[in-house]
Structures are given as C-alpha cells and as structure tokens.
Amino acid sequence: MVHTVTLLTREGCGSCVRVHGQLLPLCEGAGARLEVTDVDRADDADLAAEYGDRLPVVLVDGAEHSCWEVDDDELLATLAGPDPFAGWD
C-alpha cells in the first residue's frame, strides 16, 4: 500500500518549514506520497478553523498522526504498515 502523508501548513510558519524538511526523506525512504496543504488556501474552509492554532499537523491516509513535532521512528512504523492508518485508538 502507498500511504499518503499530508502536511497541513500556513504561510510564514517556521515550524511547518522545519517539519516539511524532516518529512521529505522519511516519505521518500518509505515510498509514501507527501502532500502539503496550506490551511488558509485549501478548498475546505473548515481546515483553518480546525487546525489553525495547532500547525504543523501531519495526517497519514487522512487521519491525524502528529501535531507540532514528528517522531521519525513512530512515523516510519506507521508507514511500514500494510493497512491505511486509521488514527490512534
């Protein structure tokens, strides 16, 4: 399965830039697709309201995986799984 990692960002967010740089090699190494969505420019107006104060947020297969910080080992373990990520129980 090819997992999709979505980084939710906002223009001018230094942490978003840092996490993007962290995700690039992780996703490439795991064969995952990386997408970046600016919550202020997305077609879904609810994104900015829901995530605006907590950026950066990382979604895996559409489910929230992490916020503000990304644990490399945890993300790689998730991306190694054969099933879509459904969030934390």
PDB file of N, CA and C in Angstrom:
ATOM      1  N   MET A   1       0.840  -1.177   0.000  1.00  0.00           N
ATOM      2  CA  MET A   1       0.000   0.000   0.000  1.00  0.00           C
ATOM      3  C   MET A   1       0.886   1.240   0.000  1.00  0.00           C
ATOM      4  N   VAL A   2       0.514   2.217  -0.766  1.00  0.00           N
ATOM      5  CA  VAL A   2       1.206   3.507  -0.770  1.00  0.00           C
ATOM      6  C   VAL A   2       0.436   4.436   0.165  1.00  0.00           C
ATOM      7  N   HIS A   3       1.085   4.830   1.240  1.00  0.00           N
ATOM      8  CA  HIS A   3       0.465   5.744   2.194  1.00  0.00           C
ATOM      9  C   HIS A   3       0.604   7.178   1.692  1.00  0.00           C
ATOM     10  N   THR A   4      -0.355   8.007   2.057  1.00  0.00           N
ATOM     11  CA  THR A   4      -0.296   9.431   1.750  1.00  0.00           C
ATOM     12  C   THR A   4      -0.097  10.197   3.051  1.00  0.00           C
ATOM     13  N   VAL A   5       0.969  10.977   3.087  1.00  0.00           N
ATOM     14  CA  VAL A   5       1.262  11.845   4.221  1.00  0.00           C
ATOM     15  C   VAL A   5       0.910  13.266   3.800  1.00  0.00           C
ATOM     16  N   THR A   6       0.053  13.905   4.571  1.00  0.00           N
ATOM     17  CA  THR A   6      -0.350  15.277   4.277  1.00  0.00           C
ATOM     18  C   THR A   6       0.146  16.169   5.394  1.00  0.00           C
ATOM     19  N   LEU A   7       0.908  17.183   5.027  1.00  0.00           N
ATOM     20  CA  LEU A   7       1.383  18.171   5.983  1.00  0.00           C
ATOM     21  C   LEU A   7       0.497  19.400   5.865  1.00  0.00           C
ATOM     22  N   LEU A   8      -0.186  19.730   6.957  1.00  0.00           N
ATOM     23  CA  LEU A   8      -1.020  20.927   6.994  1.00  0.00           C
ATOM     24  C   LEU A   8      -0.163  22.079   7.483  1.00  0.00           C
ATOM     25  N   THR A   9      -0.120  23.149   6.701  1.00  0.00           N
ATOM     26  CA  THR A   9       0.774  24.272   6.969  1.00  0.00           C
ATOM     27  C   THR A   9       0.033  25.592   6.872  1.00  0.00           C
ATOM     28  N   ARG A  10       0.786  26.660   7.133  1.00  0.00           N
ATOM     29  CA  ARG A  10       0.310  28.024   6.933  1.00  0.00           C
ATOM     30  C   ARG A  10       1.524  28.845   6.520  1.00  0.00           C
ATOM     31  N   GLU A  11       1.325  29.762   5.612  1.00  0.00           N
ATOM     32  CA  GLU A  11       2.422  30.621   5.169  1.00  0.00           C
ATOM     33  C   GLU A  11       3.015  31.357   6.367  1.00  0.00           C
ATOM     34  N   GLY A  12       4.339  31.400   6.428  1.00  0.00           N
ATOM     35  CA  GLY A  12       5.030  32.090   7.498  1.00  0.00           C
ATOM     36  C   GLY A  12       5.259  31.248   8.741  1.00  0.00           C
ATOM     37  N   CYS A  13       4.909  29.983   8.692  1.00  0.00           N
ATOM     38  CA  CYS A  13       5.057  29.076   9.838  1.00  0.00           C
ATOM     39  C   CYS A  13       6.435  28.411   9.773  1.00  0.00           C
ATOM     40  N   GLY A  14       7.350  28.854  10.625  1.00  0.00           N
ATOM     41  CA  GLY A  14       8.698  28.301  10.637  1.00  0.00           C
ATOM     42  C   GLY A  14       8.732  26.824  11.005  1.00  0.00           C
ATOM     43  N   SER A  15       7.878  26.417  11.937  1.00  0.00           N
ATOM     44  CA  SER A  15       7.813  25.000  12.317  1.00  0.00           C
ATOM     45  C   SER A  15       7.330  24.153  11.153  1.00  0.00           C
ATOM     46  N   CYS A  16       6.440  24.707  10.339  1.00  0.00           N
ATOM     47  CA  CYS A  16       5.933  23.982   9.168  1.00  0.00           C
ATOM     48  C   CYS A  16       7.064  23.705   8.179  1.00  0.00           C
ATOM     49  N   VAL A  17       7.926  24.690   7.987  1.00  0.00           N
ATOM     50  CA  VAL A  17       9.070  24.536   7.087  1.00  0.00           C
ATOM     51  C   VAL A  17      10.014  23.458   7.627  1.00  0.00           C
ATOM     52  N   ARG A  18      10.264  23.486   8.932  1.00  0.00           N
ATOM     53  CA  ARG A  18      11.147  22.502   9.561  1.00  0.00           C
ATOM     54  C   ARG A  18      10.588  21.091   9.419  1.00  0.00           C
ATOM     55  N   VAL A  19       9.301  20.914   9.698  1.00  0.00           N
ATOM     56  CA  VAL A  19       8.692  19.582   9.611  1.00  0.00           C
ATOM     57  C   VAL A  19       8.648  19.111   8.157  1.00  0.00           C
ATOM     58  N   HIS A  20       8.424  20.014   7.213  1.00  0.00           N
ATOM     59  CA  HIS A  20       8.440  19.632   5.798  1.00  0.00           C
ATOM     60  C   HIS A  20       9.804  19.047   5.429  1.00  0.00           C
ATOM     61  N   GLY A  21      10.869  19.710   5.865  1.00  0.00           N
ATOM     62  CA  GLY A  21      12.217  19.205   5.600  1.00  0.00           C
ATOM     63  C   GLY A  21      12.473  17.862   6.265  1.00  0.00           C
ATOM     64  N   GLN A  22      11.878  17.640   7.400  1.00  0.00           N
ATOM     65  CA  GLN A  22      12.003  16.368   8.105  1.00  0.00           C
ATOM     66  C   GLN A  22      11.243  15.263   7.374  1.00  0.00           C
ATOM     67  N   LEU A  23      10.064  15.593   6.844  1.00  0.00           N
ATOM     68  CA  LEU A  23       9.218  14.594   6.193  1.00  0.00           C
ATOM     69  C   LEU A  23       9.735  14.147   4.826  1.00  0.00           C
ATOM     70  N   LEU A  24      10.390  15.040   4.099  1.00  0.00           N
ATOM     71  CA  LEU A  24      10.840  14.705   2.742  1.00  0.00           C
ATOM     72  C   LEU A  24      11.629  13.398   2.681  1.00  0.00           C
ATOM     73  N   PRO A  25      12.723  13.250   3.441  1.00  0.00           N
ATOM     74  CA  PRO A  25      13.478  11.995   3.336  1.00  0.00           C
ATOM     75  C   PRO A  25      12.734  10.800   3.940  1.00  0.00           C
ATOM     76  N   LEU A  26      11.921  11.037   4.966  1.00  0.00           N
ATOM     77  CA  LEU A  26      11.172   9.935   5.577  1.00  0.00           C
ATOM     78  C   LEU A  26      10.172   9.344   4.588  1.00  0.00           C
ATOM     79  N   CYS A  27       9.432  10.205   3.927  1.00  0.00           N
ATOM     80  CA  CYS A  27       8.431   9.743   2.963  1.00  0.00           C
ATOM     81  C   CYS A  27       9.094   9.092   1.757  1.00  0.00           C
ATOM     82  N   GLU A  28      10.168   9.704   1.291  1.00  0.00           N
ATOM     83  CA  GLU A  28      10.878   9.127   0.150  1.00  0.00           C
ATOM     84  C   GLU A  28      11.395   7.731   0.483  1.00  0.00           C
ATOM     85  N   GLY A  29      11.995   7.589   1.649  1.00  0.00           N
ATOM     86  CA  GLY A  29      12.541   6.303   2.049  1.00  0.00           C
ATOM     87  C   GLY A  29      11.483   5.235   2.261  1.00  0.00           C
ATOM     88  N   ALA A  30      10.279   5.666   2.673  1.00  0.00           N
ATOM     89  CA  ALA A  30       9.193   4.721   2.941  1.00  0.00           C
ATOM     90  C   ALA A  30       8.310   4.497   1.716  1.00  0.00           C
ATOM     91  N   GLY A  31       8.575   5.233   0.644  1.00  0.00           N
ATOM     92  CA  GLY A  31       7.757   5.102  -0.553  1.00  0.00           C
ATOM     93  C   GLY A  31       6.368   5.702  -0.399  1.00  0.00           C
ATOM     94  N   ALA A  32       6.237   6.669   0.509  1.00  0.00           N
ATOM     95  CA  ALA A  32       4.948   7.328   0.741  1.00  0.00           C
ATOM     96  C   ALA A  32       4.846   8.595  -0.108  1.00  0.00           C
ATOM     97  N   ARG A  33       3.640   8.968  -0.415  1.00  0.00           N
ATOM     98  CA  ARG A  33       3.371  10.197  -1.166  1.00  0.00           C
ATOM     99  C   ARG A  33       3.220  11.338  -0.159  1.00  0.00           C
ATOM    100  N   LEU A  34       3.934  12.442  -0.367  1.00  0.00           N
ATOM    101  CA  LEU A  34       3.855  13.606   0.520  1.00  0.00           C
ATOM    102  C   LEU A  34       3.097  14.717  -0.181  1.00  0.00           C
ATOM    103  N   GLU A  35       2.078  15.214   0.498  1.00  0.00           N
ATOM    104  CA  GLU A  35       1.298  16.346   0.016  1.00  0.00           C
ATOM    105  C   GLU A  35       1.381  17.449   1.059  1.00  0.00           C
ATOM    106  N   VAL A  36       1.368  18.695   0.604  1.00  0.00           N
ATOM    107  CA  VAL A  36       1.379  19.840   1.510  1.00  0.00           C
ATOM    108  C   VAL A  36       0.132  20.663   1.235  1.00  0.00           C
ATOM    109  N   THR A  37      -0.605  20.973   2.297  1.00  0.00           N
ATOM    110  CA  THR A  37      -1.825  21.761   2.175  1.00  0.00           C
ATOM    111  C   THR A  37      -1.738  22.976   3.077  1.00  0.00           C
ATOM    112  N   ASP A  38      -1.829  24.151   2.488  1.00  0.00           N
ATOM    113  CA  ASP A  38      -1.904  25.398   3.250  1.00  0.00           C
ATOM    114  C   ASP A  38      -3.357  25.545   3.698  1.00  0.00           C
ATOM    115  N   VAL A  39      -3.597  25.525   5.009  1.00  0.00           N
ATOM    116  CA  VAL A  39      -4.974  25.534   5.510  1.00  0.00           C
ATOM    117  C   VAL A  39      -5.724  26.814   5.149  1.00  0.00           C
ATOM    118  N   ASP A  40      -4.994  27.894   4.901  1.00  0.00           N
ATOM    119  CA  ASP A  40      -5.640  29.155   4.554  1.00  0.00           C
ATOM    120  C   ASP A  40      -5.998  29.237   3.072  1.00  0.00           C
ATOM    121  N   ARG A  41      -5.430  28.362   2.261  1.00  0.00           N
ATOM    122  CA  ARG A  41      -5.676  28.392   0.821  1.00  0.00           C
ATOM    123  C   ARG A  41      -6.406  27.151   0.331  1.00  0.00           C
ATOM    124  N   ALA A  42      -6.732  26.251   1.222  1.00  0.00           N
ATOM    125  CA  ALA A  42      -7.390  24.998   0.843  1.00  0.00           C
ATOM    126  C   ALA A  42      -8.841  25.253   0.459  1.00  0.00           C
ATOM    127  N   ASP A  43      -9.382  24.351  -0.340  1.00  0.00           N
ATOM    128  CA  ASP A  43     -10.779  24.446  -0.743  1.00  0.00           C
ATOM    129  C   ASP A  43     -11.723  24.217   0.435  1.00  0.00           C
ATOM    130  N   ASP A  44     -11.226  23.564   1.475  1.00  0.00           N
ATOM    131  CA  ASP A  44     -12.021  23.244   2.654  1.00  0.00           C
ATOM    132  C   ASP A  44     -11.806  24.332   3.706  1.00  0.00           C
ATOM    133  N   ALA A  45     -12.769  25.238   3.842  1.00  0.00           N
ATOM    134  CA  ALA A  45     -12.641  26.366   4.767  1.00  0.00           C
ATOM    135  C   ALA A  45     -12.560  25.910   6.227  1.00  0.00           C
ATOM    136  N   ASP A  46     -13.037  24.727   6.527  1.00  0.00           N
ATOM    137  CA  ASP A  46     -13.012  24.229   7.897  1.00  0.00           C
ATOM    138  C   ASP A  46     -11.597  23.862   8.359  1.00  0.00           C
ATOM    139  N   LEU A  47     -10.675  23.628   7.423  1.00  0.00           N
ATOM    140  CA  LEU A  47      -9.314  23.260   7.807  1.00  0.00           C
ATOM    141  C   LEU A  47      -8.656  24.336   8.663  1.00  0.00           C
ATOM    142  N   ALA A  48      -8.769  25.580   8.262  1.00  0.00           N
ATOM    143  CA  ALA A  48      -8.145  26.672   9.019  1.00  0.00           C
ATOM    144  C   ALA A  48      -8.758  26.778  10.406  1.00  0.00           C
ATOM    145  N   ALA A  49     -10.061  26.599  10.499  1.00  0.00           N
ATOM    146  CA  ALA A  49     -10.728  26.672  11.795  1.00  0.00           C
ATOM    147  C   ALA A  49     -10.335  25.503  12.693  1.00  0.00           C
ATOM    148  N   GLU A  50     -10.226  24.317  12.123  1.00  0.00           N
ATOM    149  CA  GLU A  50      -9.931  23.128  12.913  1.00  0.00           C
ATOM    150  C   GLU A  50      -8.469  23.032  13.330  1.00  0.00           C
ATOM    151  N   TYR A  51      -7.543  23.365  12.419  1.00  0.00           N
ATOM    152  CA  TYR A  51      -6.126  23.136  12.668  1.00  0.00           C
ATOM    153  C   TYR A  51      -5.298  24.402  12.818  1.00  0.00           C
ATOM    154  N   GLY A  52      -5.880  25.557  12.606  1.00  0.00           N
ATOM    155  CA  GLY A  52      -5.134  26.805  12.531  1.00  0.00           C
ATOM    156  C   GLY A  52      -4.197  27.106  13.680  1.00  0.00           C
ATOM    157  N   ASP A  53      -4.570  26.758  14.909  1.00  0.00           N
ATOM    158  CA  ASP A  53      -3.737  27.054  16.066  1.00  0.00           C
ATOM    159  C   ASP A  53      -2.763  25.935  16.405  1.00  0.00           C
ATOM    160  N   ARG A  54      -2.828  24.822  15.681  1.00  0.00           N
ATOM    161  CA  ARG A  54      -2.020  23.659  16.031  1.00  0.00           C
ATOM    162  C   ARG A  54      -1.018  23.264  14.957  1.00  0.00           C
ATOM    163  N   LEU A  55      -0.728  24.115  14.031  1.00  0.00           N
ATOM    164  CA  LEU A  55       0.141  23.755  12.916  1.00  0.00           C
ATOM    165  C   LEU A  55       1.603  23.696  13.333  1.00  0.00           C
ATOM    166  N   PRO A  56       2.378  22.838  12.717  1.00  0.00           N
ATOM    167  CA  PRO A  56       2.035  21.913  11.649  1.00  0.00           C
ATOM    168  C   PRO A  56       1.364  20.635  12.182  1.00  0.00           C
ATOM    169  N   VAL A  57       0.488  20.095  11.343  1.00  0.00           N
ATOM    170  CA  VAL A  57      -0.195  18.840  11.641  1.00  0.00           C
ATOM    171  C   VAL A  57       0.125  17.867  10.512  1.00  0.00           C
ATOM    172  N   VAL A  58       0.408  16.619  10.880  1.00  0.00           N
ATOM    173  CA  VAL A  58       0.688  15.576   9.898  1.00  0.00           C
ATOM    174  C   VAL A  58      -0.458  14.581   9.903  1.00  0.00           C
ATOM    175  N   LEU A  59      -1.035  14.372   8.732  1.00  0.00           N
ATOM    176  CA  LEU A  59      -2.063  13.360   8.536  1.00  0.00           C
ATOM    177  C   LEU A  59      -1.444  12.203   7.765  1.00  0.00           C
ATOM    178  N   VAL A  60      -1.828  11.000   8.100  1.00  0.00           N
ATOM    179  CA  VAL A  60      -1.435   9.831   7.316  1.00  0.00           C
ATOM    180  C   VAL A  60      -2.720   9.168   6.863  1.00  0.00           C
ATOM    181  N   ASP A  61      -2.880   9.051   5.569  1.00  0.00           N
ATOM    182  CA  ASP A  61      -4.082   8.467   4.976  1.00  0.00           C
ATOM    183  C   ASP A  61      -5.343   9.172   5.471  1.00  0.00           C
ATOM    184  N   GLY A  62      -5.224  10.495   5.709  1.00  0.00           N
ATOM    185  CA  GLY A  62      -6.361  11.307   6.105  1.00  0.00           C
ATOM    186  C   GLY A  62      -6.631  11.373   7.590  1.00  0.00           C
ATOM    187  N   ALA A  63      -5.921  10.593   8.401  1.00  0.00           N
ATOM    188  CA  ALA A  63      -6.113  10.592   9.849  1.00  0.00           C
ATOM    189  C   ALA A  63      -4.956  11.321  10.525  1.00  0.00           C
ATOM    190  N   GLU A  64      -5.268  12.083  11.578  1.00  0.00           N
ATOM    191  CA  GLU A  64      -4.215  12.833  12.265  1.00  0.00           C
ATOM    192  C   GLU A  64      -3.217  11.892  12.914  1.00  0.00           C
ATOM    193  N   HIS A  65      -1.953  12.109  12.589  1.00  0.00           N
ATOM    194  CA  HIS A  65      -0.862  11.292  13.123  1.00  0.00           C
ATOM    195  C   HIS A  65      -0.062  12.052  14.177  1.00  0.00           C
ATOM    196  N   SER A  66       0.260  13.305  13.901  1.00  0.00           N
ATOM    197  CA  SER A  66       1.061  14.077  14.842  1.00  0.00           C
ATOM    198  C   SER A  66       0.815  15.565  14.659  1.00  0.00           C
ATOM    199  N   CYS A  67       1.187  16.288  15.697  1.00  0.00           N
ATOM    200  CA  CYS A  67       0.983  17.732  15.714  1.00  0.00           C
ATOM    201  C   CYS A  67       2.223  18.379  16.317  1.00  0.00           C
ATOM    202  N   TRP A  68       2.704  19.434  15.725  1.00  0.00           N
ATOM    203  CA  TRP A  68       3.864  20.222  16.138  1.00  0.00           C
ATOM    204  C   TRP A  68       5.187  19.493  15.955  1.00  0.00           C
ATOM    205  N   GLU A  69       5.308  18.290  16.451  1.00  0.00           N
ATOM    206  CA  GLU A  69       6.546  17.524  16.366  1.00  0.00           C
ATOM    207  C   GLU A  69       6.262  16.165  15.729  1.00  0.00           C
ATOM    208  N   VAL A  70       7.251  15.635  15.014  1.00  0.00           N
ATOM    209  CA  VAL A  70       7.113  14.321  14.389  1.00  0.00           C
ATOM    210  C   VAL A  70       8.211  13.416  14.930  1.00  0.00           C
ATOM    211  N   ASP A  71       7.808  12.269  15.447  1.00  0.00           N
ATOM    212  CA  ASP A  71       8.761  11.259  15.883  1.00  0.00           C
ATOM    213  C   ASP A  71       9.079  10.395  14.665  1.00  0.00           C
ATOM    214  N   ASP A  72      10.322  10.456  14.198  1.00  0.00           N
ATOM    215  CA  ASP A  72      10.714   9.745  12.977  1.00  0.00           C
ATOM    216  C   ASP A  72      10.386   8.259  13.056  1.00  0.00           C
ATOM    217  N   ASP A  73      10.758   7.612  14.150  1.00  0.00           N
ATOM    218  CA  ASP A  73      10.547   6.164  14.274  1.00  0.00           C
ATOM    219  C   ASP A  73       9.066   5.810  14.280  1.00  0.00           C
ATOM    220  N   GLU A  74       8.276   6.617  14.950  1.00  0.00           N
ATOM    221  CA  GLU A  74       6.836   6.379  15.014  1.00  0.00           C
ATOM    222  C   GLU A  74       6.205   6.516  13.631  1.00  0.00           C
ATOM    223  N   LEU A  75       6.592   7.559  12.899  1.00  0.00           N
ATOM    224  CA  LEU A  75       6.044   7.749  11.558  1.00  0.00           C
ATOM    225  C   LEU A  75       6.478   6.624  10.630  1.00  0.00           C
ATOM    226  N   LEU A  76       7.743   6.247  10.687  1.00  0.00           N
ATOM    227  CA  LEU A  76       8.223   5.167   9.821  1.00  0.00           C
ATOM    228  C   LEU A  76       7.517   3.854  10.128  1.00  0.00           C
ATOM    229  N   ALA A  77       7.227   3.591  11.395  1.00  0.00           N
ATOM    230  CA  ALA A  77       6.495   2.376  11.761  1.00  0.00           C
ATOM    231  C   ALA A  77       5.083   2.412  11.175  1.00  0.00           C
ATOM    232  N   THR A  78       4.452   3.559  11.217  1.00  0.00           N
ATOM    233  CA  THR A  78       3.119   3.706  10.641  1.00  0.00           C
ATOM    234  C   THR A  78       3.170   3.484   9.135  1.00  0.00           C
ATOM    235  N   LEU A  79       4.171   4.070   8.475  1.00  0.00           N
ATOM    236  CA  LEU A  79       4.278   3.952   7.022  1.00  0.00           C
ATOM    237  C   LEU A  79       4.666   2.544   6.578  1.00  0.00           C
ATOM    238  N   ALA A  80       5.229   1.755   7.481  1.00  0.00           N
ATOM    239  CA  ALA A  80       5.592   0.379   7.149  1.00  0.00           C
ATOM    240  C   ALA A  80       4.378  -0.555   7.208  1.00  0.00           C
ATOM    241  N   GLY A  81       3.299  -0.083   7.816  1.00  0.00           N
ATOM    242  CA  GLY A  81       2.109  -0.918   7.945  1.00  0.00           C
ATOM    243  C   GLY A  81       1.417  -1.133   6.612  1.00  0.00           C
ATOM    244  N   PRO A  82       0.811  -2.308   6.437  1.00  0.00           N
ATOM    245  CA  PRO A  82       0.176  -2.628   5.162  1.00  0.00           C
ATOM    246  C   PRO A  82      -1.219  -2.022   4.995  1.00  0.00           C
ATOM    247  N   ASP A  83      -1.829  -1.582   6.105  1.00  0.00           N
ATOM    248  CA  ASP A  83      -3.198  -1.073   6.050  1.00  0.00           C
ATOM    249  C   ASP A  83      -3.220   0.441   6.163  1.00  0.00           C
ATOM    250  N   PRO A  84      -4.295   1.078   5.686  1.00  0.00           N
ATOM    251  CA  PRO A  84      -4.415   2.519   5.849  1.00  0.00           C
ATOM    252  C   PRO A  84      -4.401   2.885   7.333  1.00  0.00           C
ATOM    253  N   PHE A  85      -3.751   3.992   7.654  1.00  0.00           N
ATOM    254  CA  PHE A  85      -3.708   4.471   9.035  1.00  0.00           C
ATOM    255  C   PHE A  85      -5.074   5.033   9.389  1.00  0.00           C
ATOM    256  N   ALA A  86      -5.634   4.580  10.507  1.00  0.00           N
ATOM    257  CA  ALA A  86      -6.975   4.996  10.905  1.00  0.00           C
ATOM    258  C   ALA A  86      -6.956   5.914  12.122  1.00  0.00           C
ATOM    259  N   GLY A  87      -5.773   6.347  12.527  1.00  0.00           N
ATOM    260  CA  GLY A  87      -5.666   7.206  13.710  1.00  0.00           C
ATOM    261  C   GLY A  87      -5.290   6.377  14.915  1.00  0.00           C
ATOM    262  N   TRP A  88      -5.064   7.085  15.999  1.00  0.00           N
ATOM    263  CA  TRP A  88      -4.676   6.426  17.256  1.00  0.00           C
ATOM    264  C   TRP A  88      -5.921   6.013  17.998  1.00  0.00           C
ATOM    265  N   ASP A  89      -5.853   4.850  18.603  1.00  0.00           N
ATOM    266  CA  ASP A  89      -7.002   4.362  19.388  1.00  0.00           C
ATOM    267  C   ASP A  89      -7.106   5.069  20.707  1.00  0.00           C
TER     268      ASP A  89
END
